[in-house]
Amino acid sequence: RPNVFRLQTAERRLFLFQAPTSEEMLSWISRINLVAAL
């Protein structure tokens, strides 16, 4: 599928998510990483 990103948690679990567009996928990635860092 297109526009799929992965999220690996601290427990080493892996989740795949699909966004409607490439721009939205990049937005989700940056926001998740920002919140994770904070």
PDB file of all heavy atoms in Angstrom:
ATOM      1  N   ARG A   1       0.850  -1.196   0.000  1.00  0.00           N
ATOM      2  CA  ARG A   1       0.000   0.000   0.000  1.00  0.00           C
ATOM      3  C   ARG A   1       0.882   1.240   0.000  1.00  0.00           C
ATOM      4  O   ARG A   1       1.974   1.222   0.550  1.00  0.00           O
ATOM      5  CB  ARG A   1      -0.920   0.012   1.222  1.00  0.00           C
ATOM      6  CG  ARG A   1      -1.897  -1.134   1.255  1.00  0.00           C
ATOM      7  CD  ARG A   1      -2.687  -1.104   2.556  1.00  0.00           C
ATOM      8  NE  ARG A   1      -3.541  -2.255   2.652  1.00  0.00           N
ATOM      9  CZ  ARG A   1      -4.837  -2.241   2.410  1.00  0.00           C
ATOM     10  NH1 ARG A   1      -5.428  -1.126   2.043  1.00  0.00           N
ATOM     11  NH2 ARG A   1      -5.554  -3.333   2.536  1.00  0.00           N
ATOM     12  N   PRO A   2       0.373   2.347  -0.535  1.00  0.00           N
ATOM     13  CA  PRO A   2       1.158   3.585  -0.522  1.00  0.00           C
ATOM     14  C   PRO A   2       1.024   4.326   0.816  1.00  0.00           C
ATOM     15  O   PRO A   2       0.097   4.083   1.589  1.00  0.00           O
ATOM     16  CB  PRO A   2       0.530   4.402  -1.656  1.00  0.00           C
ATOM     17  CG  PRO A   2      -0.898   3.941  -1.680  1.00  0.00           C
ATOM     18  CD  PRO A   2      -0.858   2.468  -1.321  1.00  0.00           C
ATOM     19  N   ASN A   3       1.972   5.224   1.068  1.00  0.00           N
ATOM     20  CA  ASN A   3       1.936   6.128   2.227  1.00  0.00           C
ATOM     21  C   ASN A   3       1.854   5.404   3.557  1.00  0.00           C
ATOM     22  O   ASN A   3       1.101   5.783   4.452  1.00  0.00           O
ATOM     23  CB  ASN A   3       0.766   7.112   2.103  1.00  0.00           C
ATOM     24  CG  ASN A   3       0.763   7.831   0.779  1.00  0.00           C
ATOM     25  OD1 ASN A   3       1.807   8.234   0.291  1.00  0.00           O
ATOM     26  ND2 ASN A   3      -0.409   7.960   0.185  1.00  0.00           N
ATOM     27  N   VAL A   4       2.630   4.362   3.701  1.00  0.00           N
ATOM     28  CA  VAL A   4       2.648   3.583   4.940  1.00  0.00           C
ATOM     29  C   VAL A   4       3.885   3.973   5.741  1.00  0.00           C
ATOM     30  O   VAL A   4       4.973   4.097   5.202  1.00  0.00           O
ATOM     31  CB  VAL A   4       2.645   2.071   4.647  1.00  0.00           C
ATOM     32  CG1 VAL A   4       2.846   1.257   5.918  1.00  0.00           C
ATOM     33  CG2 VAL A   4       1.341   1.676   3.968  1.00  0.00           C
ATOM     34  N   PHE A   5       3.677   4.185   7.043  1.00  0.00           N
ATOM     35  CA  PHE A   5       4.800   4.429   7.934  1.00  0.00           C
ATOM     36  C   PHE A   5       4.728   3.460   9.099  1.00  0.00           C
ATOM     37  O   PHE A   5       3.690   2.902   9.394  1.00  0.00           O
ATOM     38  CB  PHE A   5       4.860   5.893   8.398  1.00  0.00           C
ATOM     39  CG  PHE A   5       3.741   6.336   9.284  1.00  0.00           C
ATOM     40  CD1 PHE A   5       3.875   6.327  10.669  1.00  0.00           C
ATOM     41  CD2 PHE A   5       2.543   6.787   8.744  1.00  0.00           C
ATOM     42  CE1 PHE A   5       2.846   6.759  11.483  1.00  0.00           C
ATOM     43  CE2 PHE A   5       1.515   7.225   9.555  1.00  0.00           C
ATOM     44  CZ  PHE A   5       1.665   7.208  10.931  1.00  0.00           C
ATOM     45  N   ARG A   6       5.882   3.273   9.734  1.00  0.00           N
ATOM     46  CA  ARG A   6       5.980   2.332  10.842  1.00  0.00           C
ATOM     47  C   ARG A   6       6.232   3.086  12.132  1.00  0.00           C
ATOM     48  O   ARG A   6       6.840   4.141  12.135  1.00  0.00           O
ATOM     49  CB  ARG A   6       7.068   1.306  10.588  1.00  0.00           C
ATOM     50  CG  ARG A   6       8.396   1.918  10.233  1.00  0.00           C
ATOM     51  CD  ARG A   6       9.462   0.922   9.908  1.00  0.00           C
ATOM     52  NE  ARG A   6      10.219   0.687  11.123  1.00  0.00           N
ATOM     53  CZ  ARG A   6      10.873  -0.408  11.399  1.00  0.00           C
ATOM     54  NH1 ARG A   6      10.909  -1.391  10.563  1.00  0.00           N
ATOM     55  NH2 ARG A   6      11.523  -0.539  12.511  1.00  0.00           N
ATOM     56  N   LEU A   7       5.725   2.518  13.205  1.00  0.00           N
ATOM     57  CA  LEU A   7       5.943   3.062  14.544  1.00  0.00           C
ATOM     58  C   LEU A   7       6.485   1.941  15.403  1.00  0.00           C
ATOM     59  O   LEU A   7       5.820   0.916  15.583  1.00  0.00           O
ATOM     60  CB  LEU A   7       4.636   3.604  15.133  1.00  0.00           C
ATOM     61  CG  LEU A   7       4.705   4.083  16.570  1.00  0.00           C
ATOM     62  CD1 LEU A   7       5.555   5.349  16.665  1.00  0.00           C
ATOM     63  CD2 LEU A   7       3.320   4.340  17.122  1.00  0.00           C
ATOM     64  N   GLN A   8       7.704   2.127  15.897  1.00  0.00           N
ATOM     65  CA  GLN A   8       8.287   1.139  16.800  1.00  0.00           C
ATOM     66  C   GLN A   8       8.262   1.721  18.197  1.00  0.00           C
ATOM     67  O   GLN A   8       8.758   2.815  18.438  1.00  0.00           O
ATOM     68  CB  GLN A   8       9.722   0.795  16.404  1.00  0.00           C
ATOM     69  CG  GLN A   8      10.279  -0.299  17.279  1.00  0.00           C
ATOM     70  CD  GLN A   8      11.477  -0.973  16.681  1.00  0.00           C
ATOM     71  OE1 GLN A   8      11.887  -0.676  15.576  1.00  0.00           O
ATOM     72  NE2 GLN A   8      12.044  -1.891  17.420  1.00  0.00           N
ATOM     73  N   THR A   9       7.653   0.991  19.126  1.00  0.00           N
ATOM     74  CA  THR A   9       7.479   1.476  20.490  1.00  0.00           C
ATOM     75  C   THR A   9       8.671   1.098  21.363  1.00  0.00           C
ATOM     76  O   THR A   9       9.547   0.335  20.948  1.00  0.00           O
ATOM     77  CB  THR A   9       6.195   0.899  21.114  1.00  0.00           C
ATOM     78  OG1 THR A   9       6.358  -0.511  21.256  1.00  0.00           O
ATOM     79  CG2 THR A   9       4.968   1.219  20.271  1.00  0.00           C
ATOM     80  N   ALA A  10       8.675   1.617  22.565  1.00  0.00           N
ATOM     81  CA  ALA A  10       9.736   1.307  23.526  1.00  0.00           C
ATOM     82  C   ALA A  10       9.761  -0.178  23.867  1.00  0.00           C
ATOM     83  O   ALA A  10      10.805  -0.731  24.188  1.00  0.00           O
ATOM     84  CB  ALA A  10       9.548   2.127  24.800  1.00  0.00           C
ATOM     85  N   GLU A  11       8.610  -0.829  23.783  1.00  0.00           N
ATOM     86  CA  GLU A  11       8.526  -2.265  24.066  1.00  0.00           C
ATOM     87  C   GLU A  11       8.942  -3.094  22.864  1.00  0.00           C
ATOM     88  O   GLU A  11       8.777  -4.301  22.844  1.00  0.00           O
ATOM     89  CB  GLU A  11       7.097  -2.652  24.471  1.00  0.00           C
ATOM     90  CG  GLU A  11       6.605  -1.989  25.731  1.00  0.00           C
ATOM     91  CD  GLU A  11       6.047  -0.590  25.467  1.00  0.00           C
ATOM     92  OE1 GLU A  11       5.620  -0.297  24.328  1.00  0.00           O
ATOM     93  OE2 GLU A  11       6.071   0.222  26.395  1.00  0.00           O
ATOM     94  N   ARG A  12       9.437  -2.428  21.807  1.00  0.00           N
ATOM     95  CA  ARG A  12       9.916  -3.044  20.568  1.00  0.00           C
ATOM     96  C   ARG A  12       8.786  -3.649  19.745  1.00  0.00           C
ATOM     97  O   ARG A  12       9.000  -4.525  18.925  1.00  0.00           O
ATOM     98  CB  ARG A  12      11.006  -4.068  20.861  1.00  0.00           C
ATOM     99  CG  ARG A  12      12.161  -3.433  21.623  1.00  0.00           C
ATOM    100  CD  ARG A  12      13.279  -4.365  21.840  1.00  0.00           C
ATOM    101  NE  ARG A  12      13.980  -4.525  20.577  1.00  0.00           N
ATOM    102  CZ  ARG A  12      14.844  -5.478  20.349  1.00  0.00           C
ATOM    103  NH1 ARG A  12      15.130  -6.336  21.280  1.00  0.00           N
ATOM    104  NH2 ARG A  12      15.442  -5.577  19.187  1.00  0.00           N
ATOM    105  N   ARG A  13       7.557  -3.172  19.963  1.00  0.00           N
ATOM    106  CA  ARG A  13       6.442  -3.590  19.120  1.00  0.00           C
ATOM    107  C   ARG A  13       6.438  -2.718  17.877  1.00  0.00           C
ATOM    108  O   ARG A  13       6.824  -1.559  17.920  1.00  0.00           O
ATOM    109  CB  ARG A  13       5.116  -3.480  19.866  1.00  0.00           C
ATOM    110  CG  ARG A  13       5.034  -4.432  21.046  1.00  0.00           C
ATOM    111  CD  ARG A  13       3.686  -4.452  21.687  1.00  0.00           C
ATOM    112  NE  ARG A  13       3.299  -3.105  22.102  1.00  0.00           N
ATOM    113  CZ  ARG A  13       2.112  -2.804  22.579  1.00  0.00           C
ATOM    114  NH1 ARG A  13       1.186  -3.733  22.697  1.00  0.00           N
ATOM    115  NH2 ARG A  13       1.825  -1.581  22.959  1.00  0.00           N
ATOM    116  N   LEU A  14       5.977  -3.269  16.780  1.00  0.00           N
ATOM    117  CA  LEU A  14       5.982  -2.560  15.508  1.00  0.00           C
ATOM    118  C   LEU A  14       4.563  -2.444  14.985  1.00  0.00           C
ATOM    119  O   LEU A  14       3.836  -3.443  14.909  1.00  0.00           O
ATOM    120  CB  LEU A  14       6.860  -3.309  14.495  1.00  0.00           C
ATOM    121  CG  LEU A  14       7.050  -2.648  13.151  1.00  0.00           C
ATOM    122  CD1 LEU A  14       7.805  -1.345  13.285  1.00  0.00           C
ATOM    123  CD2 LEU A  14       7.803  -3.583  12.231  1.00  0.00           C
ATOM    124  N   PHE A  15       4.173  -1.217  14.630  1.00  0.00           N
ATOM    125  CA  PHE A  15       2.850  -0.958  14.069  1.00  0.00           C
ATOM    126  C   PHE A  15       3.021  -0.289  12.717  1.00  0.00           C
ATOM    127  O   PHE A  15       3.920   0.536  12.541  1.00  0.00           O
ATOM    128  CB  PHE A  15       2.036  -0.027  14.981  1.00  0.00           C
ATOM    129  CG  PHE A  15       1.731  -0.597  16.321  1.00  0.00           C
ATOM    130  CD1 PHE A  15       2.569  -0.373  17.395  1.00  0.00           C
ATOM    131  CD2 PHE A  15       0.592  -1.369  16.510  1.00  0.00           C
ATOM    132  CE1 PHE A  15       2.293  -0.902  18.641  1.00  0.00           C
ATOM    133  CE2 PHE A  15       0.303  -1.900  17.756  1.00  0.00           C
ATOM    134  CZ  PHE A  15       1.151  -1.664  18.818  1.00  0.00           C
ATOM    135  N   LEU A  16       2.154  -0.637  11.777  1.00  0.00           N
ATOM    136  CA  LEU A  16       2.134   0.018  10.475  1.00  0.00           C
ATOM    137  C   LEU A  16       0.865   0.842  10.373  1.00  0.00           C
ATOM    138  O   LEU A  16      -0.215   0.389  10.745  1.00  0.00           O
ATOM    139  CB  LEU A  16       2.170  -1.023   9.345  1.00  0.00           C
ATOM    140  CG  LEU A  16       3.447  -1.859   9.246  1.00  0.00           C
ATOM    141  CD1 LEU A  16       3.292  -2.913   8.162  1.00  0.00           C
ATOM    142  CD2 LEU A  16       4.651  -0.986   8.968  1.00  0.00           C
ATOM    143  N   PHE A  17       1.003   2.057   9.850  1.00  0.00           N
ATOM    144  CA  PHE A  17      -0.127   2.955   9.651  1.00  0.00           C
ATOM    145  C   PHE A  17      -0.111   3.437   8.208  1.00  0.00           C
ATOM    146  O   PHE A  17       0.957   3.636   7.628  1.00  0.00           O
ATOM    147  CB  PHE A  17      -0.041   4.173  10.578  1.00  0.00           C
ATOM    148  CG  PHE A  17      -0.131   3.840  12.028  1.00  0.00           C
ATOM    149  CD1 PHE A  17       1.009   3.634  12.785  1.00  0.00           C
ATOM    150  CD2 PHE A  17      -1.367   3.738  12.653  1.00  0.00           C
ATOM    151  CE1 PHE A  17       0.929   3.332  14.131  1.00  0.00           C
ATOM    152  CE2 PHE A  17      -1.458   3.431  13.999  1.00  0.00           C
ATOM    153  CZ  PHE A  17      -0.311   3.230  14.733  1.00  0.00           C
ATOM    154  N   GLN A  18      -1.301   3.667   7.671  1.00  0.00           N
ATOM    155  CA  GLN A  18      -1.400   4.188   6.317  1.00  0.00           C
ATOM    156  C   GLN A  18      -2.089   5.544   6.365  1.00  0.00           C
ATOM    157  O   GLN A  18      -3.126   5.708   7.015  1.00  0.00           O
ATOM    158  CB  GLN A  18      -2.199   3.251   5.404  1.00  0.00           C
ATOM    159  CG  GLN A  18      -2.273   3.762   3.987  1.00  0.00           C
ATOM    160  CD  GLN A  18      -3.087   2.856   3.080  1.00  0.00           C
ATOM    161  OE1 GLN A  18      -3.827   2.002   3.545  1.00  0.00           O
ATOM    162  NE2 GLN A  18      -2.948   3.059   1.795  1.00  0.00           N
ATOM    163  N   ALA A  19      -1.493   6.513   5.691  1.00  0.00           N
ATOM    164  CA  ALA A  19      -2.058   7.856   5.596  1.00  0.00           C
ATOM    165  C   ALA A  19      -2.663   8.034   4.203  1.00  0.00           C
ATOM    166  O   ALA A  19      -2.246   7.363   3.257  1.00  0.00           O
ATOM    167  CB  ALA A  19      -0.973   8.895   5.838  1.00  0.00           C
ATOM    168  N   PRO A  20      -3.633   8.942   4.059  1.00  0.00           N
ATOM    169  CA  PRO A  20      -4.258   9.148   2.754  1.00  0.00           C
ATOM    170  C   PRO A  20      -3.295   9.714   1.706  1.00  0.00           C
ATOM    171  O   PRO A  20      -3.377   9.360   0.534  1.00  0.00           O
ATOM    172  CB  PRO A  20      -5.390  10.139   3.017  1.00  0.00           C
ATOM    173  CG  PRO A  20      -5.570  10.169   4.487  1.00  0.00           C
ATOM    174  CD  PRO A  20      -4.308   9.692   5.109  1.00  0.00           C
ATOM    175  N   THR A  21      -2.384  10.606   2.131  1.00  0.00           N
ATOM    176  CA  THR A  21      -1.448  11.222   1.186  1.00  0.00           C
ATOM    177  C   THR A  21      -0.040  11.179   1.755  1.00  0.00           C
ATOM    178  O   THR A  21       0.160  10.981   2.956  1.00  0.00           O
ATOM    179  CB  THR A  21      -1.823  12.702   0.925  1.00  0.00           C
ATOM    180  OG1 THR A  21      -1.653  13.426   2.153  1.00  0.00           O
ATOM    181  CG2 THR A  21      -3.243  12.842   0.404  1.00  0.00           C
ATOM    182  N   SER A  22       0.922  11.425   0.896  1.00  0.00           N
ATOM    183  CA  SER A  22       2.312  11.455   1.322  1.00  0.00           C
ATOM    184  C   SER A  22       2.563  12.611   2.290  1.00  0.00           C
ATOM    185  O   SER A  22       3.303  12.462   3.266  1.00  0.00           O
ATOM    186  CB  SER A  22       3.215  11.586   0.098  1.00  0.00           C
ATOM    187  OG  SER A  22       4.549  11.645   0.476  1.00  0.00           O
ATOM    188  N   GLU A  23       1.942  13.762   2.020  1.00  0.00           N
ATOM    189  CA  GLU A  23       2.116  14.924   2.897  1.00  0.00           C
ATOM    190  C   GLU A  23       1.571  14.644   4.295  1.00  0.00           C
ATOM    191  O   GLU A  23       2.174  15.004   5.301  1.00  0.00           O
ATOM    192  CB  GLU A  23       1.424  16.160   2.313  1.00  0.00           C
ATOM    193  CG  GLU A  23       2.028  16.661   1.020  1.00  0.00           C
ATOM    194  CD  GLU A  23       1.560  15.878  -0.204  1.00  0.00           C
ATOM    195  OE1 GLU A  23       0.470  15.263  -0.153  1.00  0.00           O
ATOM    196  OE2 GLU A  23       2.296  15.865  -1.193  1.00  0.00           O
ATOM    197  N   GLU A  24       0.420  13.999   4.351  1.00  0.00           N
ATOM    198  CA  GLU A  24      -0.172  13.678   5.650  1.00  0.00           C
ATOM    199  C   GLU A  24       0.670  12.638   6.383  1.00  0.00           C
ATOM    200  O   GLU A  24       0.829  12.703   7.606  1.00  0.00           O
ATOM    201  CB  GLU A  24      -1.603  13.177   5.468  1.00  0.00           C
ATOM    202  CG  GLU A  24      -2.383  13.202   6.761  1.00  0.00           C
ATOM    203  CD  GLU A  24      -3.872  13.036   6.554  1.00  0.00           C
ATOM    204  OE1 GLU A  24      -4.395  13.389   5.482  1.00  0.00           O
ATOM    205  OE2 GLU A  24      -4.509  12.532   7.493  1.00  0.00           O
ATOM    206  N   MET A  25       1.246  11.697   5.649  1.00  0.00           N
ATOM    207  CA  MET A  25       2.116  10.701   6.266  1.00  0.00           C
ATOM    208  C   MET A  25       3.322  11.394   6.905  1.00  0.00           C
ATOM    209  O   MET A  25       3.664  11.123   8.062  1.00  0.00           O
ATOM    210  CB  MET A  25       2.596   9.693   5.230  1.00  0.00           C
ATOM    211  CG  MET A  25       3.597   8.684   5.772  1.00  0.00           C
ATOM    212  SD  MET A  25       4.313   7.622   4.514  1.00  0.00           S
ATOM    213  CE  MET A  25       5.338   8.784   3.634  1.00  0.00           C
ATOM    214  N   LEU A  26       3.965  12.317   6.196  1.00  0.00           N
ATOM    215  CA  LEU A  26       5.111  13.032   6.734  1.00  0.00           C
ATOM    216  C   LEU A  26       4.711  13.884   7.937  1.00  0.00           C
ATOM    217  O   LEU A  26       5.473  14.007   8.905  1.00  0.00           O
ATOM    218  CB  LEU A  26       5.753  13.897   5.654  1.00  0.00           C
ATOM    219  CG  LEU A  26       6.392  13.123   4.502  1.00  0.00           C
ATOM    220  CD1 LEU A  26       6.872  14.076   3.417  1.00  0.00           C
ATOM    221  CD2 LEU A  26       7.526  12.254   5.001  1.00  0.00           C
ATOM    222  N   SER A  27       3.517  14.444   7.897  1.00  0.00           N
ATOM    223  CA  SER A  27       3.015  15.227   9.024  1.00  0.00           C
ATOM    224  C   SER A  27       2.840  14.344  10.257  1.00  0.00           C
ATOM    225  O   SER A  27       3.239  14.720  11.367  1.00  0.00           O
ATOM    226  CB  SER A  27       1.691  15.894   8.647  1.00  0.00           C
ATOM    227  OG  SER A  27       1.126  16.538   9.749  1.00  0.00           O
ATOM    228  N   TRP A  28       2.243  13.180  10.071  1.00  0.00           N
ATOM    229  CA  TRP A  28       2.048  12.247  11.189  1.00  0.00           C
ATOM    230  C   TRP A  28       3.400  11.815  11.762  1.00  0.00           C
ATOM    231  O   TRP A  28       3.579  11.777  12.975  1.00  0.00           O
ATOM    232  CB  TRP A  28       1.271  11.017  10.721  1.00  0.00           C
ATOM    233  CG  TRP A  28      -0.206  11.198  10.822  1.00  0.00           C
ATOM    234  CD1 TRP A  28      -1.038  11.676   9.861  1.00  0.00           C
ATOM    235  CD2 TRP A  28      -1.019  10.914  11.952  1.00  0.00           C
ATOM    236  NE1 TRP A  28      -2.319  11.706  10.322  1.00  0.00           N
ATOM    237  CE2 TRP A  28      -2.344  11.246  11.608  1.00  0.00           C
ATOM    238  CE3 TRP A  28      -0.774  10.415  13.220  1.00  0.00           C
ATOM    239  CZ2 TRP A  28      -3.404  11.085  12.476  1.00  0.00           C
ATOM    240  CZ3 TRP A  28      -1.829  10.256  14.098  1.00  0.00           C
ATOM    241  CH2 TRP A  28      -3.121  10.594  13.715  1.00  0.00           C
ATOM    242  N   ILE A  29       4.346  11.488  10.884  1.00  0.00           N
ATOM    243  CA  ILE A  29       5.666  11.042  11.337  1.00  0.00           C
ATOM    244  C   ILE A  29       6.327  12.126  12.178  1.00  0.00           C
ATOM    245  O   ILE A  29       6.824  11.857  13.281  1.00  0.00           O
ATOM    246  CB  ILE A  29       6.556  10.656  10.133  1.00  0.00           C
ATOM    247  CG1 ILE A  29       6.052   9.358   9.503  1.00  0.00           C
ATOM    248  CG2 ILE A  29       8.016  10.508  10.557  1.00  0.00           C
ATOM    249  CD1 ILE A  29       6.738   9.003   8.196  1.00  0.00           C
ATOM    250  N   SER A  30       6.333  13.353  11.688  1.00  0.00           N
ATOM    251  CA  SER A  30       7.006  14.420  12.437  1.00  0.00           C
ATOM    252  C   SER A  30       6.296  14.723  13.755  1.00  0.00           C
ATOM    253  O   SER A  30       6.940  14.961  14.780  1.00  0.00           O
ATOM    254  CB  SER A  30       7.137  15.682  11.589  1.00  0.00           C
ATOM    255  OG  SER A  30       5.877  16.210  11.281  1.00  0.00           O
ATOM    256  N   ARG A  31       4.983  14.687  13.774  1.00  0.00           N
ATOM    257  CA  ARG A  31       4.259  14.976  15.011  1.00  0.00           C
ATOM    258  C   ARG A  31       4.412  13.865  16.040  1.00  0.00           C
ATOM    259  O   ARG A  31       4.562  14.129  17.232  1.00  0.00           O
ATOM    260  CB  ARG A  31       2.788  15.223  14.713  1.00  0.00           C
ATOM    261  CG  ARG A  31       2.592  16.532  13.999  1.00  0.00           C
ATOM    262  CD  ARG A  31       1.196  16.758  13.583  1.00  0.00           C
ATOM    263  NE  ARG A  31       1.139  17.938  12.722  1.00  0.00           N
ATOM    264  CZ  ARG A  31       0.079  18.675  12.575  1.00  0.00           C
ATOM    265  NH1 ARG A  31      -1.042  18.376  13.192  1.00  0.00           N
ATOM    266  NH2 ARG A  31       0.114  19.716  11.779  1.00  0.00           N
ATOM    267  N   ILE A  32       4.366  12.634  15.587  1.00  0.00           N
ATOM    268  CA  ILE A  32       4.565  11.513  16.520  1.00  0.00           C
ATOM    269  C   ILE A  32       5.960  11.577  17.117  1.00  0.00           C
ATOM    270  O   ILE A  32       6.147  11.416  18.326  1.00  0.00           O
ATOM    271  CB  ILE A  32       4.310  10.160  15.821  1.00  0.00           C
ATOM    272  CG1 ILE A  32       2.825   9.987  15.539  1.00  0.00           C
ATOM    273  CG2 ILE A  32       4.844   9.010  16.669  1.00  0.00           C
ATOM    274  CD1 ILE A  32       2.495   8.789  14.670  1.00  0.00           C
ATOM    275  N   ASN A  33       6.969  11.816  16.283  1.00  0.00           N
ATOM    276  CA  ASN A  33       8.339  11.883  16.790  1.00  0.00           C
ATOM    277  C   ASN A  33       8.537  13.063  17.735  1.00  0.00           C
ATOM    278  O   ASN A  33       9.276  12.956  18.716  1.00  0.00           O
ATOM    279  CB  ASN A  33       9.337  11.933  15.638  1.00  0.00           C
ATOM    280  CG  ASN A  33       9.477  10.591  14.958  1.00  0.00           C
ATOM    281  OD1 ASN A  33       9.230   9.552  15.555  1.00  0.00           O
ATOM    282  ND2 ASN A  33       9.855  10.601  13.698  1.00  0.00           N
ATOM    283  N   LEU A  34       7.883  14.181  17.458  1.00  0.00           N
ATOM    284  CA  LEU A  34       7.970  15.336  18.359  1.00  0.00           C
ATOM    285  C   LEU A  34       7.373  14.998  19.727  1.00  0.00           C
ATOM    286  O   LEU A  34       7.992  15.233  20.773  1.00  0.00           O
ATOM    287  CB  LEU A  34       7.262  16.549  17.765  1.00  0.00           C
ATOM    288  CG  LEU A  34       7.179  17.777  18.675  1.00  0.00           C
ATOM    289  CD1 LEU A  34       8.570  18.322  18.966  1.00  0.00           C
ATOM    290  CD2 LEU A  34       6.292  18.831  18.064  1.00  0.00           C
ATOM    291  N   VAL A  35       6.192  14.421  19.731  1.00  0.00           N
ATOM    292  CA  VAL A  35       5.548  14.056  20.996  1.00  0.00           C
ATOM    293  C   VAL A  35       6.360  12.996  21.721  1.00  0.00           C
ATOM    294  O   VAL A  35       6.545  13.063  22.942  1.00  0.00           O
ATOM    295  CB  VAL A  35       4.096  13.579  20.750  1.00  0.00           C
ATOM    296  CG1 VAL A  35       3.496  12.981  22.004  1.00  0.00           C
ATOM    297  CG2 VAL A  35       3.245  14.736  20.244  1.00  0.00           C
ATOM    298  N   ALA A  36       6.887  12.033  20.984  1.00  0.00           N
ATOM    299  CA  ALA A  36       7.710  10.989  21.614  1.00  0.00           C
ATOM    300  C   ALA A  36       8.941  11.605  22.265  1.00  0.00           C
ATOM    301  O   ALA A  36       9.304  11.242  23.388  1.00  0.00           O
ATOM    302  CB  ALA A  36       8.122   9.956  20.577  1.00  0.00           C
ATOM    303  N   ALA A  37       9.572  12.551  21.587  1.00  0.00           N
ATOM    304  CA  ALA A  37      10.763  13.192  22.152  1.00  0.00           C
ATOM    305  C   ALA A  37      10.412  14.027  23.378  1.00  0.00           C
ATOM    306  O   ALA A  37      11.150  14.034  24.367  1.00  0.00           O
ATOM    307  CB  ALA A  37      11.431  14.065  21.096  1.00  0.00           C
ATOM    308  N   LEU A  38       9.284  14.717  23.331  1.00  0.00           N
ATOM    309  CA  LEU A  38       8.887  15.553  24.471  1.00  0.00           C
ATOM    310  C   LEU A  38       8.476  14.719  25.681  1.00  0.00           C
ATOM    311  O   LEU A  38       8.673  15.135  26.820  1.00  0.00           O
ATOM    312  CB  LEU A  38       7.748  16.491  24.068  1.00  0.00           C
ATOM    313  CG  LEU A  38       8.129  17.611  23.095  1.00  0.00           C
ATOM    314  CD1 LEU A  38       6.889  18.361  22.657  1.00  0.00           C
ATOM    315  CD2 LEU A  38       9.142  18.549  23.719  1.00  0.00           C
TER     316      LEU A  38
END
